[in-house]
Amino acid sequence: MTANRLLLKFARRSPRLVILTTVLGFSGALFNGISTALVVPVILGYLGQSAGTQSLPGPLKKILDLTGAQGDQQFLVLMGFVLLAIILKNAATYAGELTSARLTQTLTTGIRNDGLKMLLDVDLEYYSANKIGDIVNQMGGEIARTANSIKCATQIATTAITILVFLGILLTISWQLTLVSTSLLAMVSVANQFFIRKAKRMGQKLSSSSANYSIALLETLSGMRLVKSTGQEAAQYRQLSHYVNERELAERQSQTNYAIVNPINEVSGILVVLTIVITGKVLFASQMAAPTLLLMYLLTLFRMLPSIGRINGLRSQFANTAPSVQVVNAFLRYDDKPIMAQGKTPYQPITQGIQFQNIWFKYPTSQDWILRDVSLNLPKGTTLALVGSSGAGKSTLADLLPRFYDCQEGGISLDGQDIRSFDLPSFRKSMGIVSQETFLFNASVFDNIAYGCENVSFDAVVSAAQRANAYEFIEKLPEGLDTQIGDRGVMLSGGQRQRLAIARALLRDPDILILDEATSALDTVSERLVQKALDELSRDRTVLVIAHRLSTIQNADQIAVFDRGEVVEVGVHDELLARKGLYAKLYNMQFGETVAPAGADMTVEPPAVEPPAVEPCC
């Protein structure tokens, strides 16, 4: 779809503003043309030459005749017409500028809101497949350039109306001269196509270089600790500087291309005027009013030429920003993005439990199965722990429960009802998730704990913090609960961040709890405090826990051992140790009760299982 059609699609969102902008543009152009056409007769009338009024265009002469003015009265009437036309022209132009600006702002705001909604509607799969820097660039720079494109389009439309009105006036003065001048100006516009095509290519280059810069900058800022710790400041500076220079070069080339349009238009305009003077002298040689007609025609043409130059410049600008319009349109599309299908059944608290039935799952970008025929049962009010080596599929199974992804085969049911039938927001609100990588906003402690809970009271937040063993350190912060904790909670330790996440989950009072290696990155003291908070959080809840440290899940009601995407053992701690299988080997590796030979393979080869020949359920 071309940029023109895309902008028309956006413009349909505000039809009233589009119509009003068009009407005001036409009105301003009409009054501008009338005032211009009347200037020469007024000057000639002032000099006492009656030919001034006789040479008026037909429609204006009829209006003047209706007034019944004669002699000096005609001069006064013409003066009044000129003054009124100038006032109305400026009033219409002022209102048109305001309306055009309002239209541009409305469409730009609508596009930004559409982008925000799309980003919140798509699945996590979209963020796995796209770079955050590219997304930020599209929401920022590309939409800003699209806004400029919208502004150019509205200015092109109003300028085109002005040109058409002036052409109409020129036709009433002399259709022969208008035919000549139009042909010459058309040739100039065709010549400008070279610069317009060049502007489009430069716009594509500018869009690409802006995306590269945004991606590199965001990655550098996000990984600043790594940059500092490895002494890569100079290397990162060179990389970012390269992208900055690349972008500035593209910008400079675009500006150079745009700057050459106006001189070409001005020189071409002078040549057109000289041609019209020569042609007019030949055409009007036998007419008494020839000087007046030619002067009126040239004055009107002079008033039109800046609009011709302006529209050519705007076309160049529009071509330069048009690639961004197409980028934004692709960004806003839903049909090529992963959107999680939602059910309509409101979530109801668990009465029986959660069943994982023959789960097969692989990521869209992978050919390998991450989970293979996984079947587990998690009764209400119990804890199911998932253990195994990294990459065994534990976190993937946990991600399927809140439907961050859907399985390709098999399914998950809650009290016998497929979780895909539940309304997604209400279903996810029933869960509390505490992971190893806790995310905190650059906001106050209070706001981070209360996130996701509406109209929460101060006492409720304090109670949640106390139950999470967090209130003691919160009281020592400079402003207590009102303390700003920095980007991602940088002002806090790892254990403190985890306890805030637990307080957040406690405040939500979830029916289902998912703990994803919540203590694996903590020191012994912090782990003990966090584990006490987790025990409080897990009380009387249905819990799915992923554990790296086996000491934290010895009291779990069930332990499922994963290896290469399959469940190879299920049981309680003592039972699994007695089997002397993979769980026992993992336990011995951690606690040193049995020393494994160096380089020994500590995994159990899973039985070969082929996926069932059934249609995908998700």
Foldseek 3Di string as FASTA:
>chain_A
DFLVVLLVVLLVVPVPLLVLLLVLLLLLLQLVLLLLLLPLLLVVLVVVHPLSLVLRQDVVNVVLVVVVDDRVRSSVVSVVSNVVSVVRNVVSVVVSVVSLVVSLVVSLVVLLVLLVVLVVQFFVLVVVVDFPLLSVCLSPVLSVLVSVLSSLVSLLSSLVSSLVSLLVSLVSLPVVLSVLLVVLLVVLLVVLVVLLLVLLVLLVQLSVLSSQLSRLVVVCVVCVVVCVVVVVPVVSCVSNVVSVVSNVVSVVVLVVSLVVLLVSLVVSLVVSLVVSVVVLCVVCVPPPSSVSSNVSSSSSSVVSSVSSSSSSSSSSSSSSSRVSSVVSVVSSDDPVGHGQQAAAAFDDFADFWKWFAQFWADRPVDPDTLAGGATDTFTWQFEEEEEEDPSLCQVVVVCPQLPSDDTQATAMAGVNHGPRNHGNVNSNLLEAEQEQQFFAAQFFLQCRLCPPPPPDDPVLLCVLLVLLVQQVVLVVDPVRRRDGQGHRSPNDDSLNSRSSSLSSRVSSLHQEYEYHQNPVPDDPVSSVSRLSSVVSSSGSHRYYYYHPDVVSCQPGQKYFYGGSNYGPDMDHNVVVCVVVALVVLSNCVVVVPDDDPPPDDSHDDDDDDDRDPDGTPD
